[in-house]
């Protein structure tokens, strides 16, 4: 019996006492699936709201050095798409929270775009982030997502024009991923007045809840986003902490976000 994906828009519209929701990121197969599972268990324990599962790819164009190395490490260990799908099915079953896949379009293309989205729906994955699936060129992807009830989560940046922003906002599902700055993941973001203006524009013109990612590395970054974003997206910082000090260091960081 298949799991039904939790509709993101419905989930994010639920009342919560939290000032901001947290979405965390895991690169599947790195350092191994067992550690991925332990990390997700810890994230769930500390009240993380959504988890982004990255299927590793050899040329992750949106990822900085930390994630690039992790993608390569996962692939060198023999991580496959089928293993990632099986792992996602397991965690969807074991943890009551939405899971989202993040990967690159070539992974979907090689698997079969519609077949991949159908599989995501069958195992209960709620959404898909595919940074190089540009909406103007990805009708097959968007149509498949609509057909199977899997949300296509699209990205905007401070350099997105008003016209294109409106188009992307109309095509995204569940949430709009707002990239806090130009560049790659894993670099500290300096939040300034321009960032505040950009996020204000996103809040005003988005048709869905918004999530903000790229460069969120400490509690003060998350605090800055309260009132400006619905979701703070924490990615490479979690992996950096895991590599520096194991699960204990990750737990210390998650504890620092308590009561936000």
C-alpha atoms as a PDB file:
ATOM      1  CA  UNK A   1       0.000   0.000   0.000  1.00  0.00           C
ATOM      2  CA  UNK A   2       1.488   3.374  -1.015  1.00  0.00           C
ATOM      3  CA  UNK A   3       1.829   6.375   1.268  1.00  0.00           C
ATOM      4  CA  UNK A   4      -0.016   9.543   0.314  1.00  0.00           C
ATOM      5  CA  UNK A   5       2.264  12.584   0.215  1.00  0.00           C
ATOM      6  CA  UNK A   6       1.410  15.288   2.744  1.00  0.00           C
ATOM      7  CA  UNK A   7       0.218  18.283   0.690  1.00  0.00           C
ATOM      8  CA  UNK A   8       2.743  21.009   1.489  1.00  0.00           C
ATOM      9  CA  UNK A   9       0.303  23.900   1.200  1.00  0.00           C
ATOM     10  CA  UNK A  10      -2.061  22.155   3.623  1.00  0.00           C
ATOM     11  CA  UNK A  11       0.765  21.298   6.027  1.00  0.00           C
ATOM     12  CA  UNK A  12       2.232  24.800   5.970  1.00  0.00           C
ATOM     13  CA  UNK A  13      -1.181  26.389   6.533  1.00  0.00           C
ATOM     14  CA  UNK A  14      -1.662  24.545   9.811  1.00  0.00           C
ATOM     15  CA  UNK A  15      -1.537  26.667  12.934  1.00  0.00           C
ATOM     16  CA  UNK A  16       1.721  26.484  14.845  1.00  0.00           C
ATOM     17  CA  UNK A  17       3.176  28.143  17.929  1.00  0.00           C
ATOM     18  CA  UNK A  18       6.550  28.368  16.186  1.00  0.00           C
ATOM     19  CA  UNK A  19       7.734  31.752  14.983  1.00  0.00           C
ATOM     20  CA  UNK A  20       9.229  30.159  11.880  1.00  0.00           C
ATOM     21  CA  UNK A  21       9.382  26.662  10.426  1.00  0.00           C
ATOM     22  CA  UNK A  22      12.684  24.918   9.745  1.00  0.00           C
ATOM     23  CA  UNK A  23      13.555  22.808   6.702  1.00  0.00           C
ATOM     24  CA  UNK A  24      16.758  20.753   6.869  1.00  0.00           C
ATOM     25  CA  UNK A  25      18.790  19.094   4.126  1.00  0.00           C
ATOM     26  CA  UNK A  26      20.377  15.661   3.761  1.00  0.00           C
ATOM     27  CA  UNK A  27      22.547  14.382   0.913  1.00  0.00           C
ATOM     28  CA  UNK A  28      21.554  10.753   0.613  1.00  0.00           C
ATOM     29  CA  UNK A  29      24.298   8.169   0.876  1.00  0.00           C
ATOM     30  CA  UNK A  30      26.738  10.585   2.507  1.00  0.00           C
ATOM     31  CA  UNK A  31      28.499   9.666   4.599  1.00  0.00           C
ATOM     32  CA  UNK A  32      26.136   6.666   4.475  1.00  0.00           C
ATOM     33  CA  UNK A  33      22.431   5.898   4.694  1.00  0.00           C
ATOM     34  CA  UNK A  34      22.683   4.845   8.335  1.00  0.00           C
ATOM     35  CA  UNK A  35      23.977   8.295   9.278  1.00  0.00           C
ATOM     36  CA  UNK A  36      21.281   9.897   7.118  1.00  0.00           C
ATOM     37  CA  UNK A  37      18.662   8.010   9.114  1.00  0.00           C
ATOM     38  CA  UNK A  38      20.207   8.994  12.463  1.00  0.00           C
ATOM     39  CA  UNK A  39      20.328  12.626  11.330  1.00  0.00           C
ATOM     40  CA  UNK A  40      16.675  12.583  10.296  1.00  0.00           C
ATOM     41  CA  UNK A  41      15.711  11.014  13.611  1.00  0.00           C
ATOM     42  CA  UNK A  42      17.579  13.800  15.411  1.00  0.00           C
ATOM     43  CA  UNK A  43      16.036  16.495  13.230  1.00  0.00           C
ATOM     44  CA  UNK A  44      12.578  15.092  13.903  1.00  0.00           C
ATOM     45  CA  UNK A  45      13.313  14.936  17.652  1.00  0.00           C
ATOM     46  CA  UNK A  46      14.187  18.639  17.685  1.00  0.00           C
ATOM     47  CA  UNK A  47      11.074  19.719  15.823  1.00  0.00           C
ATOM     48  CA  UNK A  48      12.391  20.318  12.314  1.00  0.00           C
ATOM     49  CA  UNK A  49       9.312  20.688  10.133  1.00  0.00           C
ATOM     50  CA  UNK A  50      10.360  19.477   6.672  1.00  0.00           C
ATOM     51  CA  UNK A  51      13.331  17.589   5.280  1.00  0.00           C
ATOM     52  CA  UNK A  52      14.923  17.932   1.860  1.00  0.00           C
ATOM     53  CA  UNK A  53      16.522  14.718   0.618  1.00  0.00           C
ATOM     54  CA  UNK A  54      19.137  15.294  -2.076  1.00  0.00           C
ATOM     55  CA  UNK A  55      19.724  12.552  -4.613  1.00  0.00           C
ATOM     56  CA  UNK A  56      23.439  12.898  -5.439  1.00  0.00           C
ATOM     57  CA  UNK A  57      24.501  13.974  -8.915  1.00  0.00           C
ATOM     58  CA  UNK A  58      27.930  14.300 -10.509  1.00  0.00           C
ATOM     59  CA  UNK A  59      27.497  17.949 -11.560  1.00  0.00           C
ATOM     60  CA  UNK A  60      25.428  19.715  -8.877  1.00  0.00           C
ATOM     61  CA  UNK A  61      25.538  23.209 -10.350  1.00  0.00           C
ATOM     62  CA  UNK A  62      23.783  24.995  -7.463  1.00  0.00           C
ATOM     63  CA  UNK A  63      25.940  23.431  -4.761  1.00  0.00           C
ATOM     64  CA  UNK A  64      29.029  24.864  -3.122  1.00  0.00           C
ATOM     65  CA  UNK A  65      32.233  22.993  -2.190  1.00  0.00           C
ATOM     66  CA  UNK A  66      30.833  21.186   0.878  1.00  0.00           C
ATOM     67  CA  UNK A  67      27.862  19.732  -0.973  1.00  0.00           C
ATOM     68  CA  UNK A  68      29.898  19.110  -4.123  1.00  0.00           C
ATOM     69  CA  UNK A  69      32.323  16.952  -2.154  1.00  0.00           C
ATOM     70  CA  UNK A  70      29.441  15.139  -0.463  1.00  0.00           C
ATOM     71  CA  UNK A  71      27.750  14.447  -3.806  1.00  0.00           C
ATOM     72  CA  UNK A  72      30.991  12.994  -5.135  1.00  0.00           C
ATOM     73  CA  UNK A  73      31.517  10.948  -1.974  1.00  0.00           C
ATOM     74  CA  UNK A  74      28.033   9.479  -2.137  1.00  0.00           C
ATOM     75  CA  UNK A  75      28.478   8.511  -5.777  1.00  0.00           C
ATOM     76  CA  UNK A  76      31.904   6.995  -5.104  1.00  0.00           C
ATOM     77  CA  UNK A  77      30.269   4.819  -2.450  1.00  0.00           C
ATOM     78  CA  UNK A  78      27.912   3.521  -5.136  1.00  0.00           C
ATOM     79  CA  UNK A  79      24.764   5.401  -4.133  1.00  0.00           C
ATOM     80  CA  UNK A  80      21.997   4.854  -6.695  1.00  0.00           C
ATOM     81  CA  UNK A  81      18.668   6.494  -7.420  1.00  0.00           C
ATOM     82  CA  UNK A  82      16.875   3.282  -6.481  1.00  0.00           C
ATOM     83  CA  UNK A  83      18.595   3.252  -3.091  1.00  0.00           C
ATOM     84  CA  UNK A  84      17.525   6.856  -2.535  1.00  0.00           C
ATOM     85  CA  UNK A  85      13.938   6.051  -3.435  1.00  0.00           C
ATOM     86  CA  UNK A  86      13.927   3.079  -1.076  1.00  0.00           C
ATOM     87  CA  UNK A  87      15.395   5.193   1.722  1.00  0.00           C
ATOM     88  CA  UNK A  88      12.791   7.915   1.148  1.00  0.00           C
ATOM     89  CA  UNK A  89      10.021   5.350   1.362  1.00  0.00           C
ATOM     90  CA  UNK A  90      11.423   4.186   4.700  1.00  0.00           C
ATOM     91  CA  UNK A  91      11.651   7.633   6.305  1.00  0.00           C
ATOM     92  CA  UNK A  92       8.255   8.729   4.985  1.00  0.00           C
ATOM     93  CA  UNK A  93       6.850   5.672   6.743  1.00  0.00           C
ATOM     94  CA  UNK A  94       8.815   6.200   9.961  1.00  0.00           C
ATOM     95  CA  UNK A  95       8.517   9.971  10.513  1.00  0.00           C
ATOM     96  CA  UNK A  96       5.350  12.076  10.474  1.00  0.00           C
ATOM     97  CA  UNK A  97       6.588  15.056   8.482  1.00  0.00           C
ATOM     98  CA  UNK A  98       6.827  16.068   4.813  1.00  0.00           C
ATOM     99  CA  UNK A  99       9.843  14.960   2.787  1.00  0.00           C
ATOM    100  CA  UNK A 100      10.993  16.669  -0.401  1.00  0.00           C
ATOM    101  CA  UNK A 101      13.438  15.402  -2.996  1.00  0.00           C
ATOM    102  CA  UNK A 102      16.098  17.730  -4.347  1.00  0.00           C
ATOM    103  CA  UNK A 103      18.163  16.712  -7.379  1.00  0.00           C
ATOM    104  CA  UNK A 104      19.030  17.729 -10.922  1.00  0.00           C
ATOM    105  CA  UNK A 105      17.072  17.269 -14.111  1.00  0.00           C
ATOM    106  CA  UNK A 106      19.391  14.694 -15.631  1.00  0.00           C
ATOM    107  CA  UNK A 107      18.505  12.297 -12.799  1.00  0.00           C
ATOM    108  CA  UNK A 108      14.810  12.597 -13.698  1.00  0.00           C
ATOM    109  CA  UNK A 109      15.543  12.409 -17.425  1.00  0.00           C
ATOM    110  CA  UNK A 110      17.564   9.214 -17.105  1.00  0.00           C
ATOM    111  CA  UNK A 111      14.925   7.605 -14.861  1.00  0.00           C
ATOM    112  CA  UNK A 112      12.012   8.881 -16.946  1.00  0.00           C
ATOM    113  CA  UNK A 113      10.456  12.159 -15.788  1.00  0.00           C
ATOM    114  CA  UNK A 114       6.860  10.992 -15.437  1.00  0.00           C
ATOM    115  CA  UNK A 115       7.943   7.623 -14.019  1.00  0.00           C
ATOM    116  CA  UNK A 116      10.082   9.384 -11.411  1.00  0.00           C
ATOM    117  CA  UNK A 117       7.324  11.762 -10.308  1.00  0.00           C
ATOM    118  CA  UNK A 118       4.836   8.894 -10.183  1.00  0.00           C
ATOM    119  CA  UNK A 119       7.269   6.971  -7.959  1.00  0.00           C
ATOM    120  CA  UNK A 120       7.637   9.981  -5.659  1.00  0.00           C
ATOM    121  CA  UNK A 121       3.875  10.128  -5.242  1.00  0.00           C
ATOM    122  CA  UNK A 122       3.666   6.393  -4.611  1.00  0.00           C
ATOM    123  CA  UNK A 123       6.211   6.460  -1.786  1.00  0.00           C
ATOM    124  CA  UNK A 124       4.830   9.636  -0.230  1.00  0.00           C
ATOM    125  CA  UNK A 125       7.346  12.319  -1.210  1.00  0.00           C
ATOM    126  CA  UNK A 126       5.566  15.681  -1.027  1.00  0.00           C
ATOM    127  CA  UNK A 127       7.601  17.856  -3.381  1.00  0.00           C
ATOM    128  CA  UNK A 128      10.517  18.187  -5.785  1.00  0.00           C
ATOM    129  CA  UNK A 129      13.246  20.812  -5.997  1.00  0.00           C
ATOM    130  CA  UNK A 130      15.069  20.592  -9.328  1.00  0.00           C
ATOM    131  CA  UNK A 131      17.127  23.800  -9.728  1.00  0.00           C
ATOM    132  CA  UNK A 132      17.899  23.254 -13.420  1.00  0.00           C
ATOM    133  CA  UNK A 133      14.309  22.377 -14.379  1.00  0.00           C
ATOM    134  CA  UNK A 134      13.608  25.894 -15.627  1.00  0.00           C
ATOM    135  CA  UNK A 135       9.822  26.276 -15.738  1.00  0.00           C
ATOM    136  CA  UNK A 136       9.752  27.796 -19.234  1.00  0.00           C
ATOM    137  CA  UNK A 137      11.415  24.611 -20.555  1.00  0.00           C
ATOM    138  CA  UNK A 138      10.005  21.961 -18.229  1.00  0.00           C
ATOM    139  CA  UNK A 139       6.358  21.469 -19.079  1.00  0.00           C
ATOM    140  CA  UNK A 140       6.702  17.680 -18.926  1.00  0.00           C
ATOM    141  CA  UNK A 141       8.046  17.939 -15.374  1.00  0.00           C
ATOM    142  CA  UNK A 142       5.411  20.442 -14.235  1.00  0.00           C
ATOM    143  CA  UNK A 143       2.586  18.499 -15.851  1.00  0.00           C
ATOM    144  CA  UNK A 144       3.711  15.270 -14.192  1.00  0.00           C
ATOM    145  CA  UNK A 145       3.870  16.993 -10.799  1.00  0.00           C
ATOM    146  CA  UNK A 146       0.339  18.312 -11.225  1.00  0.00           C
ATOM    147  CA  UNK A 147      -0.909  14.913 -12.373  1.00  0.00           C
ATOM    148  CA  UNK A 148       0.494  13.006  -9.391  1.00  0.00           C
ATOM    149  CA  UNK A 149       0.086  15.605  -6.644  1.00  0.00           C
ATOM    150  CA  UNK A 150       3.793  16.193  -6.072  1.00  0.00           C
ATOM    151  CA  UNK A 151       4.633  19.871  -5.584  1.00  0.00           C
ATOM    152  CA  UNK A 152       7.223  21.398  -7.968  1.00  0.00           C
ATOM    153  CA  UNK A 153       9.142  23.848  -5.758  1.00  0.00           C
ATOM    154  CA  UNK A 154      10.702  26.574  -7.878  1.00  0.00           C
ATOM    155  CA  UNK A 155      13.427  29.106  -7.044  1.00  0.00           C
ATOM    156  CA  UNK A 156      13.687  32.887  -7.234  1.00  0.00           C
ATOM    157  CA  UNK A 157      16.708  35.095  -6.469  1.00  0.00           C
ATOM    158  CA  UNK A 158      17.257  38.819  -5.875  1.00  0.00           C
ATOM    159  CA  UNK A 159      18.037  39.009  -9.600  1.00  0.00           C
ATOM    160  CA  UNK A 160      14.733  37.548 -10.784  1.00  0.00           C
ATOM    161  CA  UNK A 161      12.790  40.140 -12.791  1.00  0.00           C
ATOM    162  CA  UNK A 162       9.267  41.105 -11.724  1.00  0.00           C
ATOM    163  CA  UNK A 163       7.771  39.484 -14.820  1.00  0.00           C
ATOM    164  CA  UNK A 164       9.618  36.221 -14.289  1.00  0.00           C
ATOM    165  CA  UNK A 165       8.905  36.269 -10.561  1.00  0.00           C
ATOM    166  CA  UNK A 166       5.180  36.405 -11.288  1.00  0.00           C
ATOM    167  CA  UNK A 167       5.487  33.469 -13.690  1.00  0.00           C
ATOM    168  CA  UNK A 168       7.540  31.343 -11.286  1.00  0.00           C
ATOM    169  CA  UNK A 169       5.199  32.163  -8.388  1.00  0.00           C
ATOM    170  CA  UNK A 170       2.263  30.964 -10.487  1.00  0.00           C
ATOM    171  CA  UNK A 171       3.998  27.673 -11.334  1.00  0.00           C
ATOM    172  CA  UNK A 172       5.551  26.713  -7.990  1.00  0.00           C
ATOM    173  CA  UNK A 173       3.742  24.370  -5.645  1.00  0.00           C
ATOM    174  CA  UNK A 174       3.529  24.256  -1.853  1.00  0.00           C
ATOM    175  CA  UNK A 175       6.197  26.885  -1.292  1.00  0.00           C
ATOM    176  CA  UNK A 176       8.450  29.298  -3.151  1.00  0.00           C
ATOM    177  CA  UNK A 177      12.183  28.816  -2.557  1.00  0.00           C
ATOM    178  CA  UNK A 178      13.773  32.248  -2.179  1.00  0.00           C
ATOM    179  CA  UNK A 179      17.546  32.202  -2.620  1.00  0.00           C
ATOM    180  CA  UNK A 180      18.881  34.817  -0.216  1.00  0.00           C
ATOM    181  CA  UNK A 181      21.762  35.802  -2.481  1.00  0.00           C
ATOM    182  CA  UNK A 182      23.428  35.110  -5.800  1.00  0.00           C
ATOM    183  CA  UNK A 183      25.896  32.232  -5.764  1.00  0.00           C
ATOM    184  CA  UNK A 184      26.199  28.704  -4.407  1.00  0.00           C
ATOM    185  CA  UNK A 185      25.229  26.944  -1.222  1.00  0.00           C
ATOM    186  CA  UNK A 186      27.541  26.867   1.775  1.00  0.00           C
ATOM    187  CA  UNK A 187      28.722  30.483   1.936  1.00  0.00           C
ATOM    188  CA  UNK A 188      27.731  32.824   4.755  1.00  0.00           C
ATOM    189  CA  UNK A 189      24.956  35.196   3.704  1.00  0.00           C
ATOM    190  CA  UNK A 190      25.207  38.797   4.896  1.00  0.00           C
ATOM    191  CA  UNK A 191      21.650  39.898   5.560  1.00  0.00           C
ATOM    192  CA  UNK A 192      21.296  43.597   4.813  1.00  0.00           C
ATOM    193  CA  UNK A 193      18.658  46.107   3.758  1.00  0.00           C
ATOM    194  CA  UNK A 194      18.677  44.774   0.202  1.00  0.00           C
ATOM    195  CA  UNK A 195      17.934  41.283   1.529  1.00  0.00           C
ATOM    196  CA  UNK A 196      15.113  42.662   3.675  1.00  0.00           C
ATOM    197  CA  UNK A 197      13.613  44.417   0.644  1.00  0.00           C
ATOM    198  CA  UNK A 198      13.898  41.268  -1.474  1.00  0.00           C
ATOM    199  CA  UNK A 199      12.192  39.116   1.144  1.00  0.00           C
ATOM    200  CA  UNK A 200       9.492  41.747   1.597  1.00  0.00           C
ATOM    201  CA  UNK A 201       8.823  41.605  -2.128  1.00  0.00           C
ATOM    202  CA  UNK A 202       8.690  37.794  -1.985  1.00  0.00           C
ATOM    203  CA  UNK A 203       6.196  37.825   0.897  1.00  0.00           C
ATOM    204  CA  UNK A 204       4.012  40.362  -0.859  1.00  0.00           C
ATOM    205  CA  UNK A 205       3.928  38.738  -4.284  1.00  0.00           C
ATOM    206  CA  UNK A 206       4.260  34.999  -3.626  1.00  0.00           C
ATOM    207  CA  UNK A 207       1.104  32.906  -3.949  1.00  0.00           C
ATOM    208  CA  UNK A 208       2.391  30.284  -1.496  1.00  0.00           C
ATOM    209  CA  UNK A 209       4.411  30.245   1.732  1.00  0.00           C
ATOM    210  CA  UNK A 210       8.051  31.152   1.143  1.00  0.00           C
ATOM    211  CA  UNK A 211      11.235  29.445   2.296  1.00  0.00           C
ATOM    212  CA  UNK A 212      14.632  31.145   2.431  1.00  0.00           C
ATOM    213  CA  UNK A 213      17.886  29.291   1.958  1.00  0.00           C
ATOM    214  CA  UNK A 214      21.591  29.595   1.010  1.00  0.00           C
ATOM    215  CA  UNK A 215      23.964  30.605   3.781  1.00  0.00           C
ATOM    216  CA  UNK A 216      21.877  30.151   6.944  1.00  0.00           C
ATOM    217  CA  UNK A 217      24.501  29.108   9.466  1.00  0.00           C
ATOM    218  CA  UNK A 218      23.498  30.178  12.968  1.00  0.00           C
ATOM    219  CA  UNK A 219      20.606  31.040  15.264  1.00  0.00           C
ATOM    220  CA  UNK A 220      20.881  34.768  14.505  1.00  0.00           C
ATOM    221  CA  UNK A 221      20.332  34.047  10.793  1.00  0.00           C
ATOM    222  CA  UNK A 222      17.115  32.184  11.604  1.00  0.00           C
ATOM    223  CA  UNK A 223      16.033  34.955  13.984  1.00  0.00           C
ATOM    224  CA  UNK A 224      16.535  37.497  11.218  1.00  0.00           C
ATOM    225  CA  UNK A 225      14.107  35.577   9.031  1.00  0.00           C
ATOM    226  CA  UNK A 226      11.278  35.584  11.595  1.00  0.00           C
ATOM    227  CA  UNK A 227       8.462  37.667  10.155  1.00  0.00           C
ATOM    228  CA  UNK A 228      10.171  37.789   6.770  1.00  0.00           C
ATOM    229  CA  UNK A 229       9.894  34.121   5.764  1.00  0.00           C
ATOM    230  CA  UNK A 230       7.660  31.181   6.578  1.00  0.00           C
ATOM    231  CA  UNK A 231      10.527  28.675   6.448  1.00  0.00           C
ATOM    232  CA  UNK A 232      14.255  28.869   7.177  1.00  0.00           C
ATOM    233  CA  UNK A 233      16.170  26.329   5.069  1.00  0.00           C
ATOM    234  CA  UNK A 234      19.364  24.991   6.665  1.00  0.00           C
ATOM    235  CA  UNK A 235      21.608  22.890   4.453  1.00  0.00           C
ATOM    236  CA  UNK A 236      25.379  22.770   4.301  1.00  0.00           C
ATOM    237  CA  UNK A 237      25.804  24.019   7.874  1.00  0.00           C
ATOM    238  CA  UNK A 238      24.332  20.761   9.200  1.00  0.00           C
ATOM    239  CA  UNK A 239      26.757  18.728   7.116  1.00  0.00           C
ATOM    240  CA  UNK A 240      29.684  20.897   8.214  1.00  0.00           C
ATOM    241  CA  UNK A 241      28.777  20.364  11.866  1.00  0.00           C
ATOM    242  CA  UNK A 242      28.375  16.615  11.338  1.00  0.00           C
ATOM    243  CA  UNK A 243      31.838  16.383   9.807  1.00  0.00           C
ATOM    244  CA  UNK A 244      33.371  18.536  12.558  1.00  0.00           C
ATOM    245  CA  UNK A 245      31.857  16.866  15.601  1.00  0.00           C
ATOM    246  CA  UNK A 246      29.412  14.144  14.668  1.00  0.00           C
ATOM    247  CA  UNK A 247      25.791  13.920  15.792  1.00  0.00           C
ATOM    248  CA  UNK A 248      26.632  15.546  19.126  1.00  0.00           C
ATOM    249  CA  UNK A 249      27.655  18.784  17.397  1.00  0.00           C
ATOM    250  CA  UNK A 250      24.515  18.722  15.249  1.00  0.00           C
ATOM    251  CA  UNK A 251      22.384  18.235  18.355  1.00  0.00           C
ATOM    252  CA  UNK A 252      24.019  21.242  20.041  1.00  0.00           C
ATOM    253  CA  UNK A 253      23.156  23.371  17.029  1.00  0.00           C
ATOM    254  CA  UNK A 254      19.555  22.141  16.924  1.00  0.00           C
ATOM    255  CA  UNK A 255      19.201  22.830  20.646  1.00  0.00           C
ATOM    256  CA  UNK A 256      20.312  26.419  19.978  1.00  0.00           C
ATOM    257  CA  UNK A 257      17.279  26.852  17.705  1.00  0.00           C
ATOM    258  CA  UNK A 258      14.823  25.767  20.411  1.00  0.00           C
ATOM    259  CA  UNK A 259      11.848  28.031  21.090  1.00  0.00           C
ATOM    260  CA  UNK A 260      12.122  29.847  17.773  1.00  0.00           C
END
